[in-house]
C-alpha atoms as a PDB file:
ATOM      1  CA  UNK A   1       9.346  14.703 -20.179  1.00  0.00           C
ATOM      2  CA  UNK A   2      11.955  14.272 -17.444  1.00  0.00           C
ATOM      3  CA  UNK A   3      12.787  11.075 -15.645  1.00  0.00           C
ATOM      4  CA  UNK A   4      10.418   9.381 -13.211  1.00  0.00           C
ATOM      5  CA  UNK A   5      11.926   9.910  -9.758  1.00  0.00           C
ATOM      6  CA  UNK A   6      11.685   6.768  -7.634  1.00  0.00           C
ATOM      7  CA  UNK A   7      12.399   5.912  -4.000  1.00  0.00           C
ATOM      8  CA  UNK A   8      12.990   2.221  -3.241  1.00  0.00           C
ATOM      9  CA  UNK A   9      11.860   0.985   0.183  1.00  0.00           C
ATOM     10  CA  UNK A  10      12.865  -2.491   1.379  1.00  0.00           C
ATOM     11  CA  UNK A  11      14.395  -3.772   4.613  1.00  0.00           C
ATOM     12  CA  UNK A  12      16.881  -5.941   2.724  1.00  0.00           C
ATOM     13  CA  UNK A  13      19.899  -3.997   1.483  1.00  0.00           C
ATOM     14  CA  UNK A  14      20.625  -6.480  -1.309  1.00  0.00           C
ATOM     15  CA  UNK A  15      17.074  -6.122  -2.642  1.00  0.00           C
ATOM     16  CA  UNK A  16      17.314  -2.319  -2.586  1.00  0.00           C
ATOM     17  CA  UNK A  17      20.671  -2.322  -4.333  1.00  0.00           C
ATOM     18  CA  UNK A  18      19.560  -4.885  -6.913  1.00  0.00           C
ATOM     19  CA  UNK A  19      16.386  -2.978  -7.757  1.00  0.00           C
ATOM     20  CA  UNK A  20      18.344   0.269  -8.070  1.00  0.00           C
ATOM     21  CA  UNK A  21      20.863  -1.242 -10.484  1.00  0.00           C
ATOM     22  CA  UNK A  22      18.161  -2.801 -12.651  1.00  0.00           C
ATOM     23  CA  UNK A  23      15.742   0.147 -12.672  1.00  0.00           C
ATOM     24  CA  UNK A  24      18.455   2.598 -13.636  1.00  0.00           C
ATOM     25  CA  UNK A  25      19.072   0.619 -16.814  1.00  0.00           C
ATOM     26  CA  UNK A  26      15.778   2.145 -17.986  1.00  0.00           C
ATOM     27  CA  UNK A  27      16.485   5.605 -19.396  1.00  0.00           C
ATOM     28  CA  UNK A  28      13.353   7.238 -17.996  1.00  0.00           C
ATOM     29  CA  UNK A  29      13.834   6.064 -14.376  1.00  0.00           C
ATOM     30  CA  UNK A  30      15.973   7.795 -11.760  1.00  0.00           C
ATOM     31  CA  UNK A  31      16.323   6.239  -8.285  1.00  0.00           C
ATOM     32  CA  UNK A  32      16.746   9.314  -6.095  1.00  0.00           C
ATOM     33  CA  UNK A  33      16.810   7.659  -2.659  1.00  0.00           C
ATOM     34  CA  UNK A  34      16.392   4.401  -0.748  1.00  0.00           C
ATOM     35  CA  UNK A  35      14.981   3.484   2.664  1.00  0.00           C
ATOM     36  CA  UNK A  36      14.647   0.390   4.847  1.00  0.00           C
ATOM     37  CA  UNK A  37      11.172   1.028   6.340  1.00  0.00           C
ATOM     38  CA  UNK A  38       8.101   3.234   6.016  1.00  0.00           C
ATOM     39  CA  UNK A  39       9.293   5.874   8.456  1.00  0.00           C
ATOM     40  CA  UNK A  40      12.592   6.268   6.604  1.00  0.00           C
ATOM     41  CA  UNK A  41      10.599   6.458   3.369  1.00  0.00           C
ATOM     42  CA  UNK A  42       8.675   9.463   4.700  1.00  0.00           C
ATOM     43  CA  UNK A  43      11.944  11.186   5.610  1.00  0.00           C
ATOM     44  CA  UNK A  44      13.270  10.388   2.119  1.00  0.00           C
ATOM     45  CA  UNK A  45      10.161  11.956   0.571  1.00  0.00           C
ATOM     46  CA  UNK A  46      10.726  15.109   2.602  1.00  0.00           C
ATOM     47  CA  UNK A  47      14.360  15.179   1.563  1.00  0.00           C
ATOM     48  CA  UNK A  48      13.723  14.815  -2.166  1.00  0.00           C
ATOM     49  CA  UNK A  49      10.095  14.476  -3.228  1.00  0.00           C
ATOM     50  CA  UNK A  50       9.706  11.554  -5.640  1.00  0.00           C
ATOM     51  CA  UNK A  51       7.068  10.739  -8.221  1.00  0.00           C
ATOM     52  CA  UNK A  52       6.769   7.084  -7.158  1.00  0.00           C
ATOM     53  CA  UNK A  53       7.657   5.172  -3.989  1.00  0.00           C
ATOM     54  CA  UNK A  54       8.274   1.468  -4.622  1.00  0.00           C
ATOM     55  CA  UNK A  55       7.358   0.061  -1.197  1.00  0.00           C
ATOM     56  CA  UNK A  56       7.862  -3.405   0.256  1.00  0.00           C
ATOM     57  CA  UNK A  57       4.861  -4.324   2.399  1.00  0.00           C
ATOM     58  CA  UNK A  58       6.522  -6.361   5.168  1.00  0.00           C
ATOM     59  CA  UNK A  59       9.218  -4.459   7.050  1.00  0.00           C
ATOM     60  CA  UNK A  60      10.224  -4.118  10.734  1.00  0.00           C
ATOM     61  CA  UNK A  61       9.605  -0.903  12.717  1.00  0.00           C
ATOM     62  CA  UNK A  62       7.243   0.630  10.134  1.00  0.00           C
ATOM     63  CA  UNK A  63       5.726  -1.599   7.452  1.00  0.00           C
ATOM     64  CA  UNK A  64       4.477  -0.629   4.012  1.00  0.00           C
ATOM     65  CA  UNK A  65       0.901  -0.087   5.180  1.00  0.00           C
ATOM     66  CA  UNK A  66       1.830   2.520   7.788  1.00  0.00           C
ATOM     67  CA  UNK A  67       4.443   3.931   5.438  1.00  0.00           C
ATOM     68  CA  UNK A  68       1.784   4.435   2.773  1.00  0.00           C
ATOM     69  CA  UNK A  69      -0.505   6.150   5.256  1.00  0.00           C
ATOM     70  CA  UNK A  70       2.246   8.513   6.428  1.00  0.00           C
ATOM     71  CA  UNK A  71       3.395   9.411   2.927  1.00  0.00           C
ATOM     72  CA  UNK A  72      -0.076   9.934   1.435  1.00  0.00           C
ATOM     73  CA  UNK A  73      -1.118  12.115   4.361  1.00  0.00           C
ATOM     74  CA  UNK A  74       1.761  14.503   3.724  1.00  0.00           C
ATOM     75  CA  UNK A  75       2.351  14.039  -0.013  1.00  0.00           C
ATOM     76  CA  UNK A  76      -0.976  13.477  -1.762  1.00  0.00           C
ATOM     77  CA  UNK A  77       0.550  13.544  -5.249  1.00  0.00           C
ATOM     78  CA  UNK A  78       3.274  10.976  -4.568  1.00  0.00           C
ATOM     79  CA  UNK A  79       2.302   7.546  -5.911  1.00  0.00           C
ATOM     80  CA  UNK A  80       2.954   4.472  -3.770  1.00  0.00           C
ATOM     81  CA  UNK A  81       3.376   1.147  -5.548  1.00  0.00           C
ATOM     82  CA  UNK A  82       3.389  -1.841  -3.211  1.00  0.00           C
ATOM     83  CA  UNK A  83       5.763  -4.773  -3.647  1.00  0.00           C
ATOM     84  CA  UNK A  84       4.070  -7.794  -2.153  1.00  0.00           C
ATOM     85  CA  UNK A  85       3.884 -11.572  -2.044  1.00  0.00           C
ATOM     86  CA  UNK A  86       0.851 -13.696  -2.861  1.00  0.00           C
ATOM     87  CA  UNK A  87       0.064 -14.239   0.845  1.00  0.00           C
ATOM     88  CA  UNK A  88      -0.114 -10.605   1.963  1.00  0.00           C
ATOM     89  CA  UNK A  89      -3.824 -10.050   1.245  1.00  0.00           C
ATOM     90  CA  UNK A  90      -4.675  -8.356   4.541  1.00  0.00           C
ATOM     91  CA  UNK A  91      -1.721  -5.981   4.201  1.00  0.00           C
ATOM     92  CA  UNK A  92      -2.609  -5.176   0.598  1.00  0.00           C
ATOM     93  CA  UNK A  93      -6.201  -4.305   1.444  1.00  0.00           C
ATOM     94  CA  UNK A  94      -5.036  -1.924   4.189  1.00  0.00           C
ATOM     95  CA  UNK A  95      -2.424  -0.290   1.955  1.00  0.00           C
ATOM     96  CA  UNK A  96      -5.019   0.358  -0.755  1.00  0.00           C
ATOM     97  CA  UNK A  97      -7.344   1.839   1.846  1.00  0.00           C
ATOM     98  CA  UNK A  98      -4.661   4.356   2.743  1.00  0.00           C
ATOM     99  CA  UNK A  99      -4.077   5.423  -0.841  1.00  0.00           C
ATOM    100  CA  UNK A 100      -1.585   3.055  -2.495  1.00  0.00           C
ATOM    101  CA  UNK A 101      -1.864   3.146  -6.285  1.00  0.00           C
ATOM    102  CA  UNK A 102      -1.624  -0.604  -6.672  1.00  0.00           C
ATOM    103  CA  UNK A 103       0.539  -3.624  -6.097  1.00  0.00           C
ATOM    104  CA  UNK A 104       2.804  -6.000  -7.978  1.00  0.00           C
ATOM    105  CA  UNK A 105       4.281  -9.293  -6.878  1.00  0.00           C
ATOM    106  CA  UNK A 106       7.784  -9.124  -5.464  1.00  0.00           C
ATOM    107  CA  UNK A 107       9.039 -11.911  -7.707  1.00  0.00           C
ATOM    108  CA  UNK A 108       7.790 -10.213 -10.903  1.00  0.00           C
ATOM    109  CA  UNK A 109      10.347  -9.775 -13.647  1.00  0.00           C
ATOM    110  CA  UNK A 110      11.957  -6.349 -13.844  1.00  0.00           C
ATOM    111  CA  UNK A 111      10.154  -5.336 -17.029  1.00  0.00           C
ATOM    112  CA  UNK A 112       6.828  -5.805 -15.241  1.00  0.00           C
ATOM    113  CA  UNK A 113       8.017  -3.739 -12.269  1.00  0.00           C
ATOM    114  CA  UNK A 114       9.184  -1.044 -14.690  1.00  0.00           C
ATOM    115  CA  UNK A 115       5.817  -1.012 -16.478  1.00  0.00           C
ATOM    116  CA  UNK A 116       4.086  -0.870 -13.090  1.00  0.00           C
ATOM    117  CA  UNK A 117       6.090   2.214 -12.114  1.00  0.00           C
ATOM    118  CA  UNK A 118       5.255   3.896 -15.428  1.00  0.00           C
ATOM    119  CA  UNK A 119       1.568   3.076 -15.108  1.00  0.00           C
ATOM    120  CA  UNK A 120       1.514   4.289 -11.527  1.00  0.00           C
ATOM    121  CA  UNK A 121       3.243   7.543 -12.546  1.00  0.00           C
ATOM    122  CA  UNK A 122       0.579   8.140 -15.235  1.00  0.00           C
ATOM    123  CA  UNK A 123      -2.146   7.838 -12.596  1.00  0.00           C
ATOM    124  CA  UNK A 124      -3.284   4.355 -13.559  1.00  0.00           C
ATOM    125  CA  UNK A 125      -4.169   1.673 -11.047  1.00  0.00           C
ATOM    126  CA  UNK A 126      -1.647  -1.167 -11.085  1.00  0.00           C
ATOM    127  CA  UNK A 127      -3.321  -4.425 -10.083  1.00  0.00           C
ATOM    128  CA  UNK A 128      -1.901  -7.930 -10.281  1.00  0.00           C
ATOM    129  CA  UNK A 129      -4.939 -10.043 -11.287  1.00  0.00           C
ATOM    130  CA  UNK A 130      -3.992 -13.142  -9.254  1.00  0.00           C
ATOM    131  CA  UNK A 131      -3.722 -11.144  -6.043  1.00  0.00           C
ATOM    132  CA  UNK A 132      -6.926  -9.235  -6.835  1.00  0.00           C
ATOM    133  CA  UNK A 133      -8.754 -12.552  -7.186  1.00  0.00           C
ATOM    134  CA  UNK A 134      -7.424 -13.722  -3.848  1.00  0.00           C
ATOM    135  CA  UNK A 135      -8.570 -10.517  -2.142  1.00  0.00           C
ATOM    136  CA  UNK A 136     -12.052 -11.068  -3.499  1.00  0.00           C
ATOM    137  CA  UNK A 137     -12.180 -14.746  -2.573  1.00  0.00           C
ATOM    138  CA  UNK A 138     -11.133 -14.032   1.005  1.00  0.00           C
ATOM    139  CA  UNK A 139     -13.521 -11.126   1.450  1.00  0.00           C
ATOM    140  CA  UNK A 140     -16.433 -12.506   3.459  1.00  0.00           C
ATOM    141  CA  UNK A 141     -18.743  -9.687   2.400  1.00  0.00           C
ATOM    142  CA  UNK A 142     -18.240 -10.501  -1.272  1.00  0.00           C
ATOM    143  CA  UNK A 143     -21.376 -11.815  -2.905  1.00  0.00           C
ATOM    144  CA  UNK A 144     -20.505 -14.356  -5.601  1.00  0.00           C
ATOM    145  CA  UNK A 145     -24.081 -14.290  -6.911  1.00  0.00           C
ATOM    146  CA  UNK A 146     -23.998 -10.544  -7.536  1.00  0.00           C
ATOM    147  CA  UNK A 147     -24.386  -9.613 -11.210  1.00  0.00           C
ATOM    148  CA  UNK A 148     -23.539  -6.450 -13.121  1.00  0.00           C
ATOM    149  CA  UNK A 149     -27.261  -5.814 -13.461  1.00  0.00           C
ATOM    150  CA  UNK A 150     -27.644  -5.996  -9.664  1.00  0.00           C
ATOM    151  CA  UNK A 151     -24.798  -3.526  -9.233  1.00  0.00           C
ATOM    152  CA  UNK A 152     -26.332  -1.134 -11.777  1.00  0.00           C
ATOM    153  CA  UNK A 153     -29.656  -1.234  -9.921  1.00  0.00           C
ATOM    154  CA  UNK A 154     -28.176  -1.001  -6.421  1.00  0.00           C
ATOM    155  CA  UNK A 155     -25.871   1.920  -7.237  1.00  0.00           C
ATOM    156  CA  UNK A 156     -27.886   3.675  -9.967  1.00  0.00           C
ATOM    157  CA  UNK A 157     -25.202   3.135 -12.621  1.00  0.00           C
ATOM    158  CA  UNK A 158     -25.809   3.220 -16.375  1.00  0.00           C
ATOM    159  CA  UNK A 159     -24.110   1.229 -19.148  1.00  0.00           C
ATOM    160  CA  UNK A 160     -21.638   3.981 -20.002  1.00  0.00           C
ATOM    161  CA  UNK A 161     -20.560   4.251 -16.369  1.00  0.00           C
ATOM    162  CA  UNK A 162     -20.137   0.472 -16.111  1.00  0.00           C
ATOM    163  CA  UNK A 163     -17.955   0.490 -19.239  1.00  0.00           C
ATOM    164  CA  UNK A 164     -15.815   3.298 -17.818  1.00  0.00           C
ATOM    165  CA  UNK A 165     -15.416   1.424 -14.522  1.00  0.00           C
ATOM    166  CA  UNK A 166     -14.280  -1.663 -16.458  1.00  0.00           C
ATOM    167  CA  UNK A 167     -11.578   0.314 -18.244  1.00  0.00           C
ATOM    168  CA  UNK A 168     -10.396   2.039 -15.065  1.00  0.00           C
ATOM    169  CA  UNK A 169     -10.061  -1.390 -13.448  1.00  0.00           C
ATOM    170  CA  UNK A 170      -8.033  -2.504 -16.489  1.00  0.00           C
ATOM    171  CA  UNK A 171      -5.520   0.222 -15.691  1.00  0.00           C
ATOM    172  CA  UNK A 172      -6.240   2.559 -18.599  1.00  0.00           C
ATOM    173  CA  UNK A 173      -5.732   6.328 -18.370  1.00  0.00           C
ATOM    174  CA  UNK A 174      -8.530   8.833 -19.091  1.00  0.00           C
ATOM    175  CA  UNK A 175      -7.085   9.440 -22.558  1.00  0.00           C
ATOM    176  CA  UNK A 176      -6.917   5.718 -23.351  1.00  0.00           C
ATOM    177  CA  UNK A 177     -10.476   5.155 -22.086  1.00  0.00           C
ATOM    178  CA  UNK A 178     -11.708   8.077 -24.196  1.00  0.00           C
ATOM    179  CA  UNK A 179     -10.085   6.651 -27.323  1.00  0.00           C
ATOM    180  CA  UNK A 180     -11.568   3.214 -26.663  1.00  0.00           C
ATOM    181  CA  UNK A 181     -15.095   4.472 -25.938  1.00  0.00           C
ATOM    182  CA  UNK A 182     -15.006   7.308 -28.531  1.00  0.00           C
ATOM    183  CA  UNK A 183     -15.416  10.002 -25.884  1.00  0.00           C
ATOM    184  CA  UNK A 184     -13.267  13.027 -25.053  1.00  0.00           C
ATOM    185  CA  UNK A 185     -10.728  12.861 -22.248  1.00  0.00           C
ATOM    186  CA  UNK A 186     -12.647  15.623 -20.434  1.00  0.00           C
ATOM    187  CA  UNK A 187     -15.887  13.651 -20.662  1.00  0.00           C
ATOM    188  CA  UNK A 188     -14.193  10.599 -19.156  1.00  0.00           C
ATOM    189  CA  UNK A 189     -12.723  12.706 -16.349  1.00  0.00           C
ATOM    190  CA  UNK A 190     -16.133  14.197 -15.530  1.00  0.00           C
ATOM    191  CA  UNK A 191     -17.821  10.785 -15.642  1.00  0.00           C
ATOM    192  CA  UNK A 192     -15.252   9.265 -13.290  1.00  0.00           C
ATOM    193  CA  UNK A 193     -15.758  12.140 -10.842  1.00  0.00           C
ATOM    194  CA  UNK A 194     -19.522  11.543 -10.954  1.00  0.00           C
ATOM    195  CA  UNK A 195     -19.062   7.788 -10.476  1.00  0.00           C
ATOM    196  CA  UNK A 196     -16.764   8.292  -7.472  1.00  0.00           C
ATOM    197  CA  UNK A 197     -19.313  10.681  -5.954  1.00  0.00           C
ATOM    198  CA  UNK A 198     -22.187   8.277  -6.620  1.00  0.00           C
ATOM    199  CA  UNK A 199     -20.332   5.360  -5.004  1.00  0.00           C
ATOM    200  CA  UNK A 200     -18.827   7.435  -2.153  1.00  0.00           C
ATOM    201  CA  UNK A 201     -15.305   6.383  -3.190  1.00  0.00           C
ATOM    202  CA  UNK A 202     -12.118   8.418  -2.928  1.00  0.00           C
ATOM    203  CA  UNK A 203     -10.064   7.510  -5.987  1.00  0.00           C
ATOM    204  CA  UNK A 204      -9.432   5.186  -8.934  1.00  0.00           C
ATOM    205  CA  UNK A 205      -7.829   2.554  -6.730  1.00  0.00           C
ATOM    206  CA  UNK A 206     -10.967   2.195  -4.606  1.00  0.00           C
ATOM    207  CA  UNK A 207     -13.024   2.153  -7.809  1.00  0.00           C
ATOM    208  CA  UNK A 208     -10.916  -0.730  -9.134  1.00  0.00           C
ATOM    209  CA  UNK A 209     -11.479  -2.759  -5.967  1.00  0.00           C
ATOM    210  CA  UNK A 210     -15.218  -1.971  -6.225  1.00  0.00           C
ATOM    211  CA  UNK A 211     -15.175  -3.325  -9.797  1.00  0.00           C
ATOM    212  CA  UNK A 212     -13.565  -6.603  -8.732  1.00  0.00           C
ATOM    213  CA  UNK A 213     -15.808  -7.054  -5.706  1.00  0.00           C
ATOM    214  CA  UNK A 214     -18.979  -6.490  -7.706  1.00  0.00           C
ATOM    215  CA  UNK A 215     -18.151  -8.723 -10.663  1.00  0.00           C
ATOM    216  CA  UNK A 216     -17.844  -5.799 -13.078  1.00  0.00           C
ATOM    217  CA  UNK A 217     -14.498  -7.304 -14.031  1.00  0.00           C
ATOM    218  CA  UNK A 218     -13.222 -10.793 -13.349  1.00  0.00           C
END
């Protein structure tokens, strides 16, 4: 397998340069371009289509939310991984709505950022648990008394589907879920498609948020 092609997007030049230097110490990462806002990130994607865009969420002119929307509209297969702080809950929720593959805290150590990029590239959902908890706690529509049994009844889900949702929310790939649940990768893929259809959700990221909101995972 070739290198994972990454674009770094941050309005601070020192941050961009620092991330580039560190990420390129990993043999399977290649930083192919850099940008200072979401609009520049879109231009960079057009110039040299990446696998993953590592996107700061707060930037002048065009922030990470709008940048995610622009990129995902034109490049559906490009993964966007959001770099955020603990206080950016509203931004994070919007970015996920527009198709971001997950988010990691900006002050995470570089190994964690590297693992996040790899997970994102594989199609997994990258979720920092502390931030996920904060999203849930600040969501006024979240029902703390809701149980897994309630969710199964309300959405016509069975035990196998609940177990698959749990593993998706844990960031596992279809192959990894299949190995854990003793099912084929194709079976897992078909089940996830059926679950998304049943819940009227678009992708694994939305399914992960659904899992957190409905107490399927904590």
